[in-house]
Amino acid sequence: MIHLPLVFGLALVLSLVMTPLVIRVLLRSKIMDIPNLRSSHSVPVPRGGGFGILIPFVLIIGVMLLVGALRFDAIMLAIMVGLAGMTLIGFLDDIFSLSALIRLALEGLLMGVCLVLAPLQLREIVLPLLPPIATGVAGWVLAWLFLVGFPNLFNFMDGINGLAGSQTLIACVTLTILGHLSGQTNLAVFTAVIAGGSLGFLRYNVPQARVFMGDSGSLPIGFLLAATALALSGRGAGMPIIVPVLVLWAFLFDAGLTLVIRACRKRRLDHAHRHHLYQRLVAMGYSHAQVTTMYSLMMISLAAVALVYQHAGESLRLLLLIVVIATSFGLAALVLYAYRRRVVQCVARPQRDD
C-alpha cells in the first residue's frame, strides 16, 4: 500500500533541494523574464522554475515504476507523453517566445496523440435532477478542447507571486483525496507528488520571487490537472466531471470570464494584458500575498464543495452549483465595479488596451 503523505513529503524535500539548482542553471543560461508594461514585476527574474516541481516528479514516479509500486497502464502512458511534450513546448516558449499559433498547433497535435493513447474522452455529462447526457463523438472533441485549453488558461493565471503554485498545491491535494477515495492509485500518486513539489517551489516564489514557474512549468502542470480531471470522471470511476471541475473552478472562471470580456470588446485574445480579475485586484492596491490568499481561500472553499458534491444527493448538488455560480459572478461584478471606480476613472488619459 502506497503511503501518500510520505510521497508528498519526499516530493517536498526534493523540490526544496532541486529548485535552487534550477535557479542557478537558469541564471547562467540567462533564461529570464524581462519586465514590461504589462508585467507584475519590476526586475528580471529567472523563468523555468517549474522544473523544480517536475524533476522530483520524474525521479519519484520513475523509482516507483522500477520497484513495481505503480502499475503502468494506458492513462499513465498518455499522461507521461503529455507531460513530456508540454514541458518541451513550454521550455521552447520560455526561450524563443513561440507565436500563439505555433504553440497551439503543437499542443493540439500532442493532445490528439494523448487521446489516441488513452480513453480520456468525456463520455457523459451528469447534471443534478437530469438524466445523464451521453456525449458520443462530441466527448472526444470536448476532451481535446479541455486538454488544450486548460493548460493555457492555467498559464494565463501564472502572473503574480505564489498564485499558480498555491493553486496547484490546493488543487492537487484535493485531487489526491478524490483519486484515493475512488481507488485510482496512479492518479493519487501523481497529484500527491506535484502537490509536494509545488509546496517546495513556493519557498522560492513567495513573498519575493526568486524564480517564476514559466511556461515549462505551467503548461505541463495545467495539462496534468486537466488529464486527471478527465481520468477521474472516466468509465467506472463513478465521479461526475463537475466534481474535478469544481476543484479547478477558480482558475477556469477567472481566465474564462476574462477571455469572454476581451472577445466582446474585440480585443486580441493572444495578446498579453493585465485584465484578469487577479490583476485588477493588484492594480487596485492589493499586494501579491493578499491576492494569492484570496484565491487560496476560494480554492479551499471550492475543494470542500467538490468533496461534499461527490457524496451529496441531487437536490443538494443543484443547490451547491447555484451557490458557486452565483457567488462567482457576484464577486466578479464587485471586482469589476471597484476596479472601474478606483483605477479606470482615476486615470486622466485612458490608455488604449491593445
Protein backbone atom coordinates (compact mmCIF):
# COMPACT_ATOMS: atom_id res chain seq x y z
CA MET A 1 0.00 0.00 0.00
CA ILE A 2 1.36 3.42 -1.00
CA HIS A 3 1.61 5.98 1.79
CA LEU A 4 0.54 9.18 0.04
CA PRO A 5 1.73 11.62 2.79
CA LEU A 6 5.18 10.02 2.52
CA VAL A 7 5.17 10.54 -1.24
CA PHE A 8 4.11 14.16 -0.69
CA GLY A 9 6.91 14.71 1.84
CA LEU A 10 9.56 13.17 -0.40
CA ALA A 11 8.50 15.41 -3.29
CA LEU A 12 8.63 18.43 -0.98
CA VAL A 13 12.20 17.66 0.13
CA LEU A 14 13.39 17.00 -3.42
CA SER A 15 11.81 20.23 -4.64
CA LEU A 16 13.46 22.24 -1.87
CA VAL A 17 16.79 20.78 -2.96
CA MET A 18 16.29 20.91 -6.72
CA THR A 19 14.73 24.38 -7.15
CA PRO A 20 17.88 26.32 -6.07
CA LEU A 21 19.88 24.24 -8.57
CA VAL A 22 17.34 25.03 -11.26
CA ILE A 23 17.61 28.74 -10.43
CA ARG A 24 21.40 28.62 -10.85
CA VAL A 25 21.11 26.93 -14.24
CA LEU A 26 18.50 29.45 -15.40
CA LEU A 27 20.66 32.38 -14.28
CA ARG A 28 23.74 31.01 -16.03
CA SER A 29 21.69 30.33 -19.17
CA LYS A 30 20.16 33.82 -18.95
CA ILE A 31 16.63 32.46 -19.24
CA MET A 32 14.98 35.49 -17.67
CA ASP A 33 11.56 37.09 -17.58
CA ILE A 34 12.24 40.71 -18.50
CA PRO A 35 9.57 43.09 -17.12
CA ASN A 36 7.50 45.17 -19.50
CA LEU A 37 4.49 47.49 -19.22
CA ARG A 38 2.15 44.53 -18.73
CA SER A 39 4.28 42.67 -16.17
CA SER A 40 3.52 42.43 -12.45
CA HIS A 41 7.23 42.50 -11.56
CA SER A 42 9.83 45.27 -11.93
CA VAL A 43 13.17 43.41 -12.12
CA PRO A 44 14.31 40.47 -14.30
CA VAL A 45 13.53 37.08 -12.72
CA PRO A 46 14.55 33.60 -13.94
CA ARG A 47 11.69 31.68 -15.53
CA GLY A 48 11.54 27.91 -15.75
CA GLY A 49 11.23 27.16 -12.05
CA GLY A 50 8.60 24.57 -12.86
CA PHE A 51 11.49 22.15 -13.36
CA GLY A 52 11.88 22.27 -9.57
CA ILE A 53 8.49 20.55 -9.45
CA LEU A 54 8.81 18.31 -12.50
CA ILE A 55 12.26 16.84 -11.80
CA PRO A 56 11.15 15.40 -8.43
CA PHE A 57 8.06 14.06 -10.22
CA VAL A 58 10.18 12.20 -12.79
CA LEU A 59 12.52 10.83 -10.13
CA ILE A 60 9.80 9.61 -7.76
CA ILE A 61 7.49 8.15 -10.40
CA GLY A 62 10.44 6.53 -12.17
CA VAL A 63 11.64 4.80 -8.99
CA MET A 64 8.10 3.69 -8.09
CA LEU A 65 7.67 2.15 -11.54
CA LEU A 66 11.03 0.36 -11.29
CA VAL A 67 10.18 -1.21 -7.92
CA GLY A 68 6.66 -2.12 -9.03
CA ALA A 69 4.86 0.22 -6.65
CA LEU A 70 2.83 1.66 -9.54
CA ARG A 71 1.02 -0.18 -12.32
CA PHE A 72 1.77 1.04 -15.83
CA ASP A 73 -1.37 1.50 -17.94
CA ALA A 74 -2.69 3.45 -20.93
CA ILE A 75 -3.67 6.50 -18.88
CA MET A 76 -0.22 6.67 -17.31
CA LEU A 77 1.35 6.44 -20.78
CA ALA A 78 -0.84 9.26 -22.10
CA ILE A 79 -0.07 11.46 -19.09
CA MET A 80 3.67 10.81 -19.37
CA VAL A 81 3.67 11.62 -23.08
CA GLY A 82 1.56 14.74 -22.48
CA LEU A 83 3.78 15.95 -19.64
CA ALA A 84 6.96 15.45 -21.65
CA GLY A 85 5.51 17.16 -24.72
CA MET A 86 4.02 20.11 -22.83
CA THR A 87 7.27 20.61 -20.90
CA LEU A 88 9.20 20.75 -24.18
CA ILE A 89 6.71 23.18 -25.75
CA GLY A 90 6.79 25.36 -22.64
CA PHE A 91 10.58 25.33 -22.48
CA LEU A 92 10.84 26.34 -26.14
CA ASP A 93 8.36 29.12 -25.44
CA ASP A 94 10.38 30.29 -22.43
CA ILE A 95 13.48 30.54 -24.64
CA PHE A 96 12.16 31.63 -28.03
CA SER A 97 8.70 33.10 -27.25
CA LEU A 98 6.79 30.98 -29.77
CA SER A 99 3.86 32.55 -31.58
CA ALA A 100 0.43 31.64 -30.24
CA LEU A 101 -0.47 29.87 -33.49
CA ILE A 102 2.60 27.62 -33.46
CA ARG A 103 2.20 26.80 -29.79
CA LEU A 104 -1.50 25.95 -30.15
CA ALA A 105 -0.79 23.80 -33.20
CA LEU A 106 1.85 21.81 -31.31
CA GLU A 107 -0.40 21.47 -28.26
CA GLY A 108 -3.36 20.39 -30.38
CA LEU A 109 -1.34 17.67 -32.10
CA LEU A 110 0.08 16.46 -28.80
CA MET A 111 -3.33 16.28 -27.12
CA GLY A 112 -4.66 14.34 -30.09
CA VAL A 113 -1.91 11.77 -29.55
CA CYS A 114 -2.77 11.56 -25.83
CA LEU A 115 -6.43 10.87 -26.62
CA VAL A 116 -5.41 8.09 -29.02
CA LEU A 117 -3.19 6.53 -26.33
CA ALA A 118 -5.78 6.52 -23.54
CA PRO A 119 -9.57 6.73 -23.04
CA LEU A 120 -9.62 10.25 -21.63
CA GLN A 121 -12.66 11.35 -23.61
CA LEU A 122 -15.67 12.80 -21.80
CA ARG A 123 -18.26 10.02 -22.07
CA GLU A 124 -21.21 11.71 -20.40
CA ILE A 125 -22.30 14.86 -18.62
CA VAL A 126 -24.21 14.33 -15.40
CA LEU A 127 -26.22 17.27 -14.04
CA PRO A 128 -28.37 17.32 -10.89
CA LEU A 129 -32.00 16.19 -11.33
CA LEU A 130 -31.41 15.38 -15.02
CA PRO A 131 -30.65 12.06 -16.77
CA PRO A 132 -27.03 11.58 -17.88
CA ILE A 133 -26.24 13.15 -21.26
CA ALA A 134 -24.20 10.82 -23.48
CA THR A 135 -21.64 12.78 -25.47
CA GLY A 136 -20.73 10.27 -28.16
CA VAL A 137 -18.16 11.55 -30.64
CA ALA A 138 -18.51 15.03 -29.12
CA GLY A 139 -16.89 13.61 -25.98
CA TRP A 140 -13.58 13.35 -27.83
CA VAL A 141 -13.84 16.93 -29.06
CA LEU A 142 -14.75 18.26 -25.60
CA ALA A 143 -11.87 16.35 -24.02
CA TRP A 144 -9.44 17.64 -26.66
CA LEU A 145 -10.60 21.23 -26.13
CA PHE A 146 -10.23 20.85 -22.36
CA LEU A 147 -6.75 19.32 -22.62
CA VAL A 148 -5.60 22.09 -24.96
CA GLY A 149 -7.48 24.92 -23.30
CA PHE A 150 -6.96 24.44 -19.58
CA PRO A 151 -3.12 24.43 -19.64
CA ASN A 152 -3.25 27.76 -21.48
CA LEU A 153 -5.82 29.16 -19.04
CA PHE A 154 -3.57 27.99 -16.20
CA ASN A 155 -0.64 29.71 -17.92
CA PHE A 156 -2.64 32.96 -18.16
CA MET A 157 -3.18 32.82 -14.40
CA ASP A 158 0.53 32.47 -13.62
CA GLY A 159 1.03 36.20 -13.28
CA ILE A 160 1.81 37.11 -9.67
CA ASN A 161 3.98 35.63 -6.93
CA GLY A 162 2.57 32.46 -5.41
CA LEU A 163 -0.73 32.32 -7.30
CA ALA A 164 -0.10 29.38 -9.66
CA GLY A 165 1.96 27.48 -7.10
CA SER A 166 -0.63 27.78 -4.32
CA GLN A 167 -3.48 26.86 -6.64
CA THR A 168 -1.51 23.82 -7.83
CA LEU A 169 -0.92 22.79 -4.23
CA ILE A 170 -4.58 23.07 -3.21
CA ALA A 171 -5.94 21.50 -6.40
CA CYS A 172 -3.51 18.58 -6.28
CA VAL A 173 -4.16 17.84 -2.59
CA THR A 174 -7.89 17.75 -3.36
CA LEU A 175 -7.44 15.58 -6.46
CA THR A 176 -5.20 13.26 -4.43
CA ILE A 177 -8.03 12.77 -1.95
CA LEU A 178 -10.55 12.19 -4.75
CA GLY A 179 -8.20 9.77 -6.52
CA HIS A 180 -7.57 7.84 -3.31
CA LEU A 181 -11.28 7.63 -2.45
CA SER A 182 -12.11 6.40 -5.97
CA GLY A 183 -9.35 3.80 -5.93
CA GLN A 184 -7.28 5.39 -8.72
CA THR A 185 -3.86 4.97 -7.14
CA ASN A 186 -1.76 6.19 -10.06
CA LEU A 187 -3.64 9.48 -10.26
CA ALA A 188 -3.48 9.95 -6.49
CA VAL A 189 0.30 9.43 -6.51
CA PHE A 190 0.79 11.78 -9.47
CA THR A 191 -1.07 14.63 -7.83
CA ALA A 192 0.49 13.98 -4.41
CA VAL A 193 3.96 14.33 -5.95
CA ILE A 194 3.04 17.55 -7.77
CA ALA A 195 1.46 18.91 -4.58
CA GLY A 196 4.64 18.29 -2.59
CA GLY A 197 6.78 19.74 -5.36
CA SER A 198 4.57 22.84 -5.53
CA LEU A 199 4.95 23.47 -1.81
CA GLY A 200 8.73 23.26 -2.17
CA PHE A 201 8.63 25.60 -5.18
CA LEU A 202 6.61 28.18 -3.22
CA ARG A 203 9.56 28.54 -0.84
CA TYR A 204 11.36 30.33 -3.70
CA ASN A 205 8.34 32.06 -5.27
CA VAL A 206 6.85 33.93 -2.29
CA PRO A 207 6.83 36.51 -0.88
CA GLN A 208 9.60 37.81 -3.15
CA ALA A 209 10.00 35.65 -6.25
CA ARG A 210 13.49 34.28 -6.85
CA VAL A 211 12.11 32.30 -9.76
CA PHE A 212 8.94 32.08 -11.86
CA MET A 213 7.26 28.81 -12.82
CA GLY A 214 7.46 29.71 -16.51
CA ASP A 215 5.63 28.08 -19.41
CA SER A 216 7.82 25.00 -18.95
CA GLY A 217 6.10 24.54 -15.59
CA SER A 218 2.61 25.97 -16.04
CA LEU A 219 1.79 24.15 -19.30
CA PRO A 220 2.63 20.58 -18.14
CA ILE A 221 1.10 21.15 -14.70
CA GLY A 222 -2.05 22.55 -16.30
CA PHE A 223 -2.15 19.50 -18.56
CA LEU A 224 -1.76 17.13 -15.61
CA LEU A 225 -4.66 18.80 -13.80
CA ALA A 226 -6.88 18.61 -16.89
CA ALA A 227 -5.95 14.99 -17.66
CA THR A 228 -6.52 13.98 -14.04
CA ALA A 229 -9.96 15.62 -14.09
CA LEU A 230 -10.94 13.65 -17.19
CA ALA A 231 -9.46 10.39 -15.88
CA LEU A 232 -11.25 10.70 -12.53
CA SER A 233 -14.57 11.04 -14.34
CA GLY A 234 -13.85 8.24 -16.81
CA ARG A 235 -15.60 4.92 -17.24
CA GLY A 236 -16.17 3.09 -13.96
CA ALA A 237 -14.92 5.98 -11.82
CA GLY A 238 -18.40 6.94 -10.64
CA MET A 239 -17.46 10.61 -10.45
CA PRO A 240 -19.27 13.29 -12.48
CA ILE A 241 -16.95 15.66 -14.36
CA ILE A 242 -18.40 18.54 -12.34
CA VAL A 243 -16.50 17.36 -9.23
CA PRO A 244 -12.94 17.91 -10.57
CA VAL A 245 -14.16 20.98 -12.49
CA LEU A 246 -15.24 22.50 -9.17
CA VAL A 247 -11.71 21.91 -7.86
CA LEU A 248 -10.31 23.91 -10.81
CA TRP A 249 -13.14 26.46 -10.94
CA ALA A 250 -11.26 29.50 -9.58
CA PHE A 251 -8.79 29.46 -12.48
CA LEU A 252 -11.37 28.35 -15.05
CA PHE A 253 -13.76 31.15 -14.12
CA ASP A 254 -11.24 33.99 -13.94
CA ALA A 255 -9.47 33.11 -17.19
CA GLY A 256 -12.68 32.16 -18.99
CA LEU A 257 -14.54 35.33 -17.98
CA THR A 258 -11.58 37.48 -19.00
CA LEU A 259 -11.47 35.87 -22.45
CA VAL A 260 -15.21 36.44 -22.91
CA ILE A 261 -14.92 40.12 -21.88
CA ARG A 262 -11.99 40.69 -24.22
CA ALA A 263 -13.77 38.92 -27.08
CA CYS A 264 -16.88 41.08 -26.55
CA ARG A 265 -14.67 44.19 -26.66
CA LYS A 266 -12.97 42.86 -29.81
CA ARG A 267 -9.53 42.69 -28.19
CA ARG A 268 -6.93 40.23 -29.44
CA LEU A 269 -7.06 37.12 -27.27
CA ASP A 270 -3.43 36.16 -27.90
CA HIS A 271 -2.00 39.47 -26.62
CA ALA A 272 -0.61 39.81 -23.11
CA HIS A 273 -2.67 42.06 -20.85
CA ARG A 274 -3.38 42.90 -17.22
CA HIS A 275 -7.14 42.50 -17.08
CA HIS A 276 -7.66 39.19 -15.30
CA LEU A 277 -9.58 39.61 -12.08
CA TYR A 278 -6.47 38.90 -10.02
CA GLN A 279 -4.53 41.52 -11.99
CA ARG A 280 -7.28 44.08 -11.43
CA LEU A 281 -7.06 43.41 -7.69
CA VAL A 282 -3.30 44.10 -7.82
CA ALA A 283 -3.93 47.30 -9.79
CA MET A 284 -6.38 48.36 -7.06
CA GLY A 285 -3.59 48.24 -4.50
CA TYR A 286 -3.75 44.72 -3.07
CA SER A 287 -0.39 43.01 -2.64
CA HIS A 288 0.54 39.75 -4.37
CA ALA A 289 0.30 38.00 -1.00
CA GLN A 290 -3.18 39.35 -0.33
CA VAL A 291 -4.49 38.36 -3.76
CA THR A 292 -2.91 34.91 -3.53
CA THR A 293 -4.50 34.45 -0.10
CA MET A 294 -7.92 35.45 -1.51
CA TYR A 295 -7.65 32.89 -4.29
CA SER A 296 -6.35 30.23 -1.91
CA LEU A 297 -9.37 30.71 0.34
CA MET A 298 -11.62 30.41 -2.71
CA MET A 299 -9.83 27.23 -3.80
CA ILE A 300 -10.13 25.69 -0.35
CA SER A 301 -13.84 26.52 -0.29
CA LEU A 302 -14.32 25.03 -3.76
CA ALA A 303 -12.38 21.93 -2.73
CA ALA A 304 -14.75 21.45 0.19
CA VAL A 305 -17.74 21.92 -2.14
CA ALA A 306 -16.32 19.34 -4.55
CA LEU A 307 -15.84 16.76 -1.79
CA VAL A 308 -19.38 17.34 -0.49
CA TYR A 309 -20.83 17.31 -4.02
CA GLN A 310 -19.35 13.87 -4.71
CA HIS A 311 -21.41 12.29 -1.92
CA ALA A 312 -24.45 14.61 -1.85
CA GLY A 313 -27.99 13.97 -3.02
CA GLU A 314 -29.36 15.51 -6.21
CA SER A 315 -31.11 18.45 -4.54
CA LEU A 316 -28.05 19.43 -2.53
CA ARG A 317 -25.88 19.12 -5.64
CA LEU A 318 -28.13 21.56 -7.50
CA LEU A 319 -28.02 23.99 -4.59
CA LEU A 320 -24.23 23.81 -4.41
CA LEU A 321 -23.90 24.58 -8.13
CA ILE A 322 -26.27 27.53 -7.87
CA VAL A 323 -24.32 28.95 -4.91
CA VAL A 324 -20.94 28.53 -6.65
CA ILE A 325 -22.09 30.14 -9.90
CA ALA A 326 -23.96 32.98 -8.20
CA THR A 327 -21.05 33.69 -5.85
CA SER A 328 -18.54 33.63 -8.71
CA PHE A 329 -20.42 36.17 -10.81
CA GLY A 330 -21.25 38.27 -7.77
CA LEU A 331 -17.61 38.55 -6.71
CA ALA A 332 -16.51 39.22 -10.29
CA ALA A 333 -19.07 42.03 -10.59
CA LEU A 334 -17.78 43.58 -7.36
CA VAL A 335 -14.16 43.44 -8.57
CA LEU A 336 -15.02 44.93 -11.98
CA TYR A 337 -17.10 47.70 -10.40
CA ALA A 338 -14.42 48.56 -7.83
CA TYR A 339 -11.70 48.48 -10.49
CA ARG A 340 -13.64 50.88 -12.68
CA ARG A 341 -14.19 53.31 -9.81
CA ARG A 342 -10.75 53.13 -8.24
CA VAL A 343 -8.50 52.70 -11.28
CA VAL A 344 -10.12 53.48 -14.60
CA GLN A 345 -11.85 56.70 -13.53
CA CYS A 346 -8.68 57.91 -11.80
CA VAL A 347 -6.64 57.76 -14.99
CA ALA A 348 -6.57 61.15 -16.63
CA ARG A 349 -5.76 59.74 -20.04
CA PRO A 350 -7.11 56.23 -20.51
CA GLN A 351 -4.59 54.16 -22.39
CA ARG A 352 -5.64 52.13 -25.36
CA ASP A 353 -5.89 48.41 -24.49
CA ASP A 354 -4.10 46.77 -27.41
